[in-house]
Amino acid sequence: MTTFQTHLPISPIPASRPRRLGESTTGILLLTLTLLAGIFLSACSGSDLNPSSWPGLTSDGEAFYVAASSSVIAVDTKKNELWRYPAKADRAKTFYAEPVVTEDGQIIIGDYAQNMYAIDAAANGAELWVFDQAKNRFIGSPLVTEDAIYAPCTDNTLYVLNRKGDLEWTFKTKHSLWARPVIHNNILYLPGMDHHLYAIDLETRAEKWKLDLGGALVSPFIKDENGILYGGTLANKVVAVDSQKREIKWQFATKGNVWASPVLEKGALYFGDSSGTIYAVDAVTGKQKWTVEAGSPVIASVAVYSEGMIVGSEDGKIHQITFDGGKKTWARVVEGKLYTTPVILEDLNMVVFAVTNSKTELLIAFDLSGNEIWTYLPEKK
């Protein structure tokens, strides 16, 4: 079984799961998150703050695609660099969102300079098109389907493009949009920084309903086969929403803010929060099954595979945890901070992390027993 770990229940490529954060954090991240929480919990309007950013990482099983500062870089599973976009660093372009890999080999990604790009993964990262009509930065990844791209933007707008990058329609909200939407039964569910989960009819392109979840929504919601939506808020909660009844099914109180999507696996939700606590919660009842202390903020989603889950925390620690009882079977420490959801390729016995603030590696690969395989640090160009 190969697991593609990504910020996105995305495009036609099979994707997996999602992220977190902690209370005693020091440095720039804590300051940034405190300011963001203060602004967005009250849903104030005004200009967005620059988030303290970390690399976005995804894979198609043959290569890893990492968005880091001025480049999107493709690296194969043996750490060979395949290409960069742009070929020479361009300070006008700043990438941090997780790249979306489509079934036909396109990389779809937005930047902080208000543009959405399509890059040809098979043609050395050649640019296919650029959408440049947004009024502010793209922080989150888009949802990509066979015929459309749904791109949330910090100018309070969801931009809907066709697969050639042409604008088809837009949907406006009252505050910034960071989180990728999800579709169920031709209804698109869009999390907003204005505390609302929007239900948008894809036939009429109009709002069907919206639900106030009591806190800013910064990460994608996930869904089960029955249309139950699960997501975290900056109001220290994970919420289950019944999309048919248009109501909150249950709420689970956490110790800290929930900055990443939960993962639904084996009837339970797995996620972390800004206190550094990792939770397992029954998806039906919303009751806690177990918790594990990471000892530091966890803002990434956990990555799951057959034996359990792997996640990194802000202090550079990697935690492997079992589904049953939340037992830690191994742990490692890297130089730098871990804010990005890891990618697991179980067929290759490999988990890869993107590292923030490290002078020695941007990517680091381990086998699923915790043994280091390789590290990758891009050369300056």
Protein backbone atom coordinates (compact mmCIF):
# COMPACT_ATOMS: atom_id res chain seq x y z
CA MET A 1 0.00 0.00 0.00
CA THR A 2 1.37 3.42 -0.99
CA THR A 3 0.22 6.42 0.98
CA PHE A 4 0.47 9.88 -0.57
CA GLN A 5 0.46 12.37 2.26
CA THR A 6 -0.84 15.78 1.34
CA HIS A 7 -2.59 18.96 2.43
CA LEU A 8 -5.29 18.04 -0.01
CA PRO A 9 -8.09 15.56 -0.56
CA ILE A 10 -7.22 16.61 -4.06
CA SER A 11 -7.06 15.75 -7.62
CA PRO A 12 -7.38 12.40 -9.34
CA ILE A 13 -4.16 11.16 -7.68
CA PRO A 14 -4.92 9.18 -4.51
CA ALA A 15 -4.17 11.38 -1.53
CA SER A 16 -4.13 10.80 2.17
CA ARG A 17 -4.11 12.70 5.31
CA PRO A 18 -3.49 15.92 7.32
CA ARG A 19 -1.61 18.43 10.57
CA ARG A 20 -0.93 20.76 14.27
CA LEU A 21 0.76 23.19 17.19
CA GLY A 22 1.77 24.04 21.06
CA GLU A 23 1.43 26.20 24.17
CA SER A 24 4.95 26.91 25.33
CA THR A 25 6.23 27.80 21.86
CA THR A 26 8.91 30.44 21.59
CA GLY A 27 10.18 32.53 18.72
CA ILE A 28 8.60 33.77 15.54
CA LEU A 29 5.99 31.03 15.15
CA LEU A 30 4.36 31.68 18.54
CA LEU A 31 4.26 35.41 17.90
CA THR A 32 2.75 34.87 14.47
CA LEU A 33 0.15 32.41 15.65
CA THR A 34 -0.80 34.53 18.65
CA LEU A 35 -1.34 37.53 16.42
CA LEU A 36 -3.24 35.51 13.85
CA ALA A 37 -5.44 33.90 16.48
CA GLY A 38 -6.22 37.26 18.04
CA ILE A 39 -7.19 38.74 14.71
CA PHE A 40 -9.01 35.81 13.16
CA LEU A 41 -10.87 34.56 16.21
CA SER A 42 -12.63 37.90 16.32
CA ALA A 43 -12.94 37.80 12.51
CA CYS A 44 -11.69 41.35 12.18
CA SER A 45 -11.32 42.69 8.70
CA GLY A 46 -8.26 44.51 7.45
CA SER A 47 -5.02 43.43 5.85
CA ASP A 48 -3.71 39.92 6.48
CA LEU A 49 -0.52 39.32 8.38
CA ASN A 50 2.29 37.48 6.68
CA PRO A 51 2.25 34.00 8.16
CA SER A 52 5.47 32.40 9.31
CA SER A 53 5.70 29.85 6.55
CA TRP A 54 7.07 26.37 6.07
CA PRO A 55 7.59 24.16 3.03
CA GLY A 56 4.68 22.48 1.29
CA LEU A 57 5.32 18.85 0.35
CA THR A 58 3.53 16.23 -1.71
CA SER A 59 4.35 13.21 -3.90
CA ASP A 60 3.04 11.21 -6.83
CA GLY A 61 4.89 8.08 -5.69
CA GLU A 62 7.81 8.63 -8.05
CA ALA A 63 8.97 12.08 -6.98
CA PHE A 64 8.54 14.57 -4.17
CA TYR A 65 7.44 18.12 -4.91
CA VAL A 66 8.45 20.70 -2.35
CA ALA A 67 7.45 24.37 -2.34
CA ALA A 68 10.04 26.36 -0.42
CA SER A 69 10.45 30.11 -0.67
CA SER A 70 11.30 31.12 -4.24
CA SER A 71 11.12 27.65 -5.83
CA VAL A 72 9.05 24.56 -6.44
CA ILE A 73 11.50 21.64 -6.64
CA ALA A 74 11.04 18.07 -7.86
CA VAL A 75 13.24 15.43 -6.17
CA ASP A 76 13.11 11.73 -6.96
CA THR A 77 12.95 8.97 -4.34
CA LYS A 78 16.76 8.66 -4.37
CA LYS A 79 17.17 12.41 -3.64
CA ASN A 80 18.17 13.40 -7.18
CA GLU A 81 16.90 16.85 -8.13
CA LEU A 82 14.81 16.60 -11.29
CA TRP A 83 13.90 20.25 -11.90
CA ARG A 84 13.06 23.58 -10.33
CA TYR A 85 10.43 26.16 -11.10
CA PRO A 86 11.49 28.77 -11.91
CA ALA A 87 14.84 27.48 -13.17
CA LYS A 88 16.53 30.47 -11.56
CA ALA A 89 15.31 31.80 -8.23
CA ASP A 90 12.89 34.70 -8.60
CA ARG A 91 12.29 36.72 -5.45
CA ALA A 92 9.02 37.96 -6.90
CA LYS A 93 7.67 34.43 -6.55
CA THR A 94 7.19 32.98 -3.06
CA PHE A 95 5.81 29.45 -2.70
CA TYR A 96 4.74 27.69 0.49
CA ALA A 97 1.44 25.97 -0.28
CA GLU A 98 1.50 22.23 -0.80
CA PRO A 99 1.72 21.52 -4.54
CA VAL A 100 -1.18 19.64 -6.08
CA VAL A 101 -0.20 16.82 -8.45
CA THR A 102 -2.83 15.98 -11.05
CA GLU A 103 -3.34 12.69 -12.83
CA ASP A 104 -2.07 14.14 -16.11
CA GLY A 105 1.21 15.31 -14.58
CA GLN A 106 0.51 18.95 -13.80
CA ILE A 107 1.62 20.70 -10.63
CA ILE A 108 -0.93 23.31 -9.53
CA ILE A 109 0.24 25.83 -6.94
CA GLY A 110 -0.42 29.39 -5.81
CA ASP A 111 2.06 31.92 -4.48
CA TYR A 112 2.22 34.95 -2.20
CA ALA A 113 2.39 37.25 -5.23
CA GLN A 114 -1.28 36.59 -6.06
CA ASN A 115 -0.70 34.09 -8.87
CA MET A 116 -1.80 30.52 -9.51
CA TYR A 117 0.49 28.38 -11.68
CA ALA A 118 0.33 25.16 -13.66
CA ILE A 119 3.72 23.45 -14.10
CA ASP A 120 4.47 20.45 -16.31
CA ALA A 121 6.10 17.83 -14.10
CA ALA A 122 7.17 15.77 -17.11
CA ALA A 123 8.81 18.65 -18.97
CA ASN A 124 11.42 19.78 -16.46
CA GLY A 125 9.00 22.07 -14.67
CA ALA A 126 7.93 24.06 -17.73
CA GLU A 127 5.29 26.70 -17.05
CA LEU A 128 1.94 25.85 -18.66
CA TRP A 129 -0.13 28.86 -17.58
CA VAL A 130 -0.47 31.57 -14.95
CA PHE A 131 -3.68 32.96 -13.44
CA ASP A 132 -2.98 36.52 -12.25
CA GLN A 133 -6.37 38.05 -11.43
CA ALA A 134 -6.38 37.48 -7.65
CA LYS A 135 -6.11 40.51 -5.37
CA ASN A 136 -4.07 38.90 -2.59
CA ARG A 137 -1.89 35.89 -1.81
CA PHE A 138 -2.71 32.19 -2.02
CA ILE A 139 -1.78 30.57 1.30
CA GLY A 140 -3.58 27.23 0.99
CA SER A 141 -3.64 24.67 -1.79
CA PRO A 142 -6.51 24.48 -4.28
CA LEU A 143 -8.91 21.62 -4.78
CA VAL A 144 -8.35 20.20 -8.27
CA THR A 145 -10.94 18.03 -10.02
CA GLU A 146 -11.08 16.69 -13.58
CA ASP A 147 -12.59 19.89 -14.93
CA ALA A 148 -12.03 22.65 -12.37
CA ILE A 149 -9.63 24.25 -9.91
CA TYR A 150 -11.14 25.70 -6.71
CA ALA A 151 -8.59 28.14 -5.28
CA PRO A 152 -9.18 29.85 -1.90
CA CYS A 153 -7.51 33.25 -1.62
CA THR A 154 -6.81 35.75 1.15
CA ASP A 155 -8.78 38.42 -0.75
CA ASN A 156 -11.94 36.72 0.64
CA THR A 157 -12.60 35.03 -2.69
CA LEU A 158 -12.82 31.48 -3.97
CA TYR A 159 -11.59 31.53 -7.57
CA VAL A 160 -12.92 28.75 -9.78
CA LEU A 161 -10.80 28.13 -12.87
CA ASN A 162 -11.04 25.64 -15.68
CA ARG A 163 -8.11 23.28 -16.19
CA LYS A 164 -6.57 25.75 -18.67
CA GLY A 165 -6.36 28.42 -15.98
CA ASP A 166 -9.26 30.54 -17.22
CA LEU A 167 -11.57 32.11 -14.64
CA GLU A 168 -15.06 30.58 -14.67
CA TRP A 169 -16.69 32.11 -11.57
CA THR A 170 -16.02 33.38 -8.06
CA PHE A 171 -17.58 33.14 -4.59
CA LYS A 172 -17.09 35.90 -2.01
CA THR A 173 -16.92 35.54 1.78
CA LYS A 174 -16.46 38.02 4.63
CA HIS A 175 -12.85 37.17 5.42
CA SER A 176 -9.72 35.46 4.16
CA LEU A 177 -9.80 31.95 2.75
CA TRP A 178 -6.88 29.68 3.60
CA ALA A 179 -8.42 26.21 3.42
CA ARG A 180 -9.03 24.01 0.41
CA PRO A 181 -12.72 23.10 -0.03
CA VAL A 182 -14.16 19.61 -0.35
CA ILE A 183 -17.01 18.32 -2.54
CA HIS A 184 -19.80 15.91 -1.59
CA ASN A 185 -22.88 15.21 -3.76
CA ASN A 186 -22.22 18.23 -5.98
CA ILE A 187 -22.05 20.57 -2.98
CA LEU A 188 -18.77 22.33 -2.30
CA TYR A 189 -17.95 22.91 1.37
CA LEU A 190 -15.65 25.88 1.96
CA PRO A 191 -14.06 26.66 5.37
CA GLY A 192 -13.62 30.37 6.08
CA MET A 193 -11.59 32.56 8.38
CA ASP A 194 -14.89 34.25 9.25
CA HIS A 195 -15.79 31.14 11.31
CA HIS A 196 -18.26 29.85 8.72
CA LEU A 197 -18.41 26.61 6.79
CA TYR A 198 -20.10 27.46 3.50
CA ALA A 199 -22.14 25.02 1.42
CA ILE A 200 -22.12 26.07 -2.26
CA ASP A 201 -24.35 24.46 -4.89
CA LEU A 202 -22.10 23.72 -7.87
CA GLU A 203 -25.03 23.87 -10.31
CA THR A 204 -26.29 27.30 -9.28
CA ARG A 205 -22.91 28.50 -7.96
CA ALA A 206 -24.82 30.07 -5.08
CA GLU A 207 -24.66 29.67 -1.32
CA LYS A 208 -26.96 26.91 -0.16
CA TRP A 209 -26.31 27.43 3.55
CA LYS A 210 -23.58 28.34 5.99
CA LEU A 211 -22.84 27.32 9.55
CA ASP A 212 -20.97 29.32 12.21
CA LEU A 213 -18.46 26.99 13.88
CA GLY A 214 -17.31 29.51 16.47
CA GLY A 215 -13.70 29.93 15.36
CA ALA A 216 -11.51 30.66 12.38
CA LEU A 217 -11.10 27.73 9.98
CA VAL A 218 -7.59 27.56 8.55
CA SER A 219 -7.31 23.99 7.28
CA PRO A 220 -9.36 21.75 4.97
CA PHE A 221 -12.27 19.70 6.26
CA ILE A 222 -12.38 16.00 5.46
CA LYS A 223 -15.50 13.92 4.79
CA ASP A 224 -16.69 10.36 5.21
CA GLU A 225 -18.92 8.37 2.88
CA ASN A 226 -22.03 9.57 4.71
CA GLY A 227 -21.30 13.24 4.20
CA ILE A 228 -20.10 13.94 7.73
CA LEU A 229 -17.47 16.69 7.61
CA TYR A 230 -14.66 16.94 10.16
CA GLY A 231 -12.38 19.89 10.81
CA GLY A 232 -10.53 21.92 13.41
CA THR A 233 -10.91 25.53 14.55
CA LEU A 234 -8.76 28.15 16.20
CA ALA A 235 -11.34 28.15 19.01
CA ASN A 236 -9.77 24.96 20.41
CA LYS A 237 -12.24 22.51 18.91
CA VAL A 238 -12.63 19.74 16.40
CA VAL A 239 -16.12 19.71 14.93
CA ALA A 240 -18.21 17.09 13.11
CA VAL A 241 -20.83 18.59 10.79
CA ASP A 242 -23.76 16.62 9.36
CA SER A 243 -24.00 18.06 5.85
CA GLN A 244 -27.48 16.60 5.27
CA LYS A 245 -28.99 18.01 8.46
CA ARG A 246 -26.91 21.19 8.18
CA GLU A 247 -25.94 21.03 11.83
CA ILE A 248 -23.08 20.31 14.18
CA LYS A 249 -23.15 16.63 15.09
CA TRP A 250 -20.60 16.91 17.89
CA GLN A 251 -17.77 19.12 19.15
CA PHE A 252 -14.58 18.00 20.84
CA ALA A 253 -12.70 20.47 23.04
CA THR A 254 -8.91 20.51 22.66
CA LYS A 255 -6.21 22.07 24.82
CA GLY A 256 -5.00 24.35 22.04
CA ASN A 257 -5.75 25.64 18.56
CA VAL A 258 -6.20 23.06 15.81
CA TRP A 259 -4.24 24.22 12.78
CA ALA A 260 -4.45 21.12 10.62
CA SER A 261 -6.95 18.71 9.18
CA PRO A 262 -7.72 15.59 11.18
CA VAL A 263 -7.12 12.19 9.64
CA LEU A 264 -9.96 9.66 9.52
CA GLU A 265 -8.70 6.08 9.83
CA LYS A 266 -10.20 2.90 11.31
CA GLY A 267 -13.23 4.74 12.66
CA ALA A 268 -11.22 7.36 14.54
CA LEU A 269 -9.95 10.87 13.95
CA TYR A 270 -6.27 11.56 14.61
CA PHE A 271 -5.00 15.12 14.99
CA GLY A 272 -2.92 17.46 17.13
CA ASP A 273 -3.19 20.95 18.59
CA SER A 274 -1.13 23.91 19.70
CA SER A 275 -0.56 22.42 23.13
CA GLY A 276 1.48 19.63 21.55
CA THR A 277 -1.17 17.01 22.31
CA ILE A 278 -2.01 14.28 19.78
CA TYR A 279 -5.56 12.94 20.00
CA ALA A 280 -7.52 9.90 18.90
CA VAL A 281 -11.28 10.61 18.90
CA ASP A 282 -14.13 8.28 17.96
CA ALA A 283 -15.51 9.62 14.67
CA VAL A 284 -19.10 8.63 15.46
CA THR A 285 -19.43 9.78 19.05
CA GLY A 286 -16.74 12.45 19.34
CA LYS A 287 -15.44 10.76 22.49
CA GLN A 288 -11.72 10.68 23.26
CA LYS A 289 -9.98 7.33 22.84
CA TRP A 290 -6.45 8.35 23.89
CA THR A 291 -3.93 11.18 23.86
CA VAL A 292 -0.16 11.36 23.47
CA GLU A 293 2.03 14.30 24.43
CA ALA A 294 4.48 15.35 21.72
CA GLY A 295 6.20 17.82 24.01
CA SER A 296 6.09 20.61 21.43
CA PRO A 297 3.57 22.19 19.04
CA VAL A 298 2.27 19.94 16.27
CA ILE A 299 0.84 21.88 13.34
CA ALA A 300 1.15 19.20 10.66
CA SER A 301 -1.36 16.46 10.10
CA VAL A 302 -0.31 12.97 10.96
CA ALA A 303 0.66 10.70 8.07
CA VAL A 304 -0.90 7.25 8.37
CA TYR A 305 0.11 3.84 7.06
CA SER A 306 -0.68 0.23 7.92
CA GLU A 307 1.25 0.17 11.20
CA GLY A 308 0.14 3.50 12.62
CA MET A 309 1.03 7.15 12.12
CA ILE A 310 4.07 9.39 11.89
CA VAL A 311 4.12 13.11 12.67
CA GLY A 312 6.66 15.81 13.42
CA SER A 313 6.59 18.53 16.06
CA GLU A 314 8.01 22.03 16.19
CA ASP A 315 11.08 21.00 18.19
CA GLY A 316 12.28 18.75 15.35
CA LYS A 317 11.09 15.48 16.89
CA ILE A 318 9.55 12.73 14.80
CA HIS A 319 7.00 10.50 16.53
CA GLN A 320 5.82 7.09 15.32
CA ILE A 321 2.58 6.16 17.10
CA THR A 322 0.37 3.07 16.92
CA PHE A 323 -3.37 3.24 16.30
CA ASP A 324 -4.03 1.02 19.30
CA GLY A 325 -3.58 2.97 22.51
CA GLY A 326 -1.30 5.62 21.03
CA LYS A 327 1.94 3.85 21.86
CA LYS A 328 5.19 5.41 20.67
CA THR A 329 7.34 2.79 18.98
CA TRP A 330 10.20 5.04 17.84
CA ALA A 331 11.24 8.68 17.76
CA ARG A 332 13.96 10.68 16.02
CA VAL A 333 15.20 14.27 16.14
CA VAL A 334 16.29 16.43 13.21
CA GLU A 335 17.98 19.80 13.06
CA GLY A 336 15.31 22.41 12.43
CA LYS A 337 11.56 22.58 12.93
CA LEU A 338 8.84 20.27 11.60
CA TYR A 339 5.68 22.04 10.53
CA THR A 340 4.88 20.14 7.33
CA THR A 341 2.86 16.93 7.00
CA PRO A 342 5.27 14.08 6.13
CA VAL A 343 4.83 11.93 3.04
CA ILE A 344 4.76 8.15 3.46
CA LEU A 345 5.50 5.84 0.52
CA GLU A 346 4.84 2.51 2.17
CA ASP A 347 5.73 0.46 -0.92
CA LEU A 348 9.21 1.97 -0.74
CA ASN A 349 9.42 1.72 3.07
CA MET A 350 9.97 5.46 3.23
CA VAL A 351 8.75 8.55 5.06
CA VAL A 352 9.98 11.99 4.00
CA PHE A 353 9.89 15.23 5.98
CA ALA A 354 10.35 18.81 4.84
CA VAL A 355 12.40 20.72 7.41
CA THR A 356 12.12 24.40 8.32
CA ASN A 357 15.07 26.51 9.50
CA SER A 358 17.70 23.86 8.86
CA LYS A 359 21.13 24.58 7.40
CA THR A 360 21.75 20.92 6.58
CA GLU A 361 18.57 19.64 4.88
CA LEU A 362 15.34 20.70 3.25
CA LEU A 363 14.15 17.09 2.93
CA ILE A 364 15.07 14.09 5.06
CA ALA A 365 14.02 10.48 4.40
CA PHE A 366 13.73 7.64 6.90
CA ASP A 367 12.64 4.06 6.54
CA LEU A 368 9.53 3.08 8.48
CA SER A 369 11.66 1.75 11.32
CA GLY A 370 13.20 5.17 11.82
CA ASN A 371 16.57 4.67 10.10
CA GLU A 372 17.81 7.65 8.10
CA ILE A 373 18.09 6.99 4.35
CA TRP A 374 19.10 10.32 2.83
CA THR A 375 18.96 14.09 3.12
CA TYR A 376 18.52 16.71 0.43
CA LEU A 377 19.60 20.36 0.48
CA PRO A 378 19.20 22.35 -2.76
CA GLU A 379 22.25 24.05 -4.18
CA LYS A 380 21.97 27.78 -4.71
CA LYS A 381 21.33 28.80 -8.33
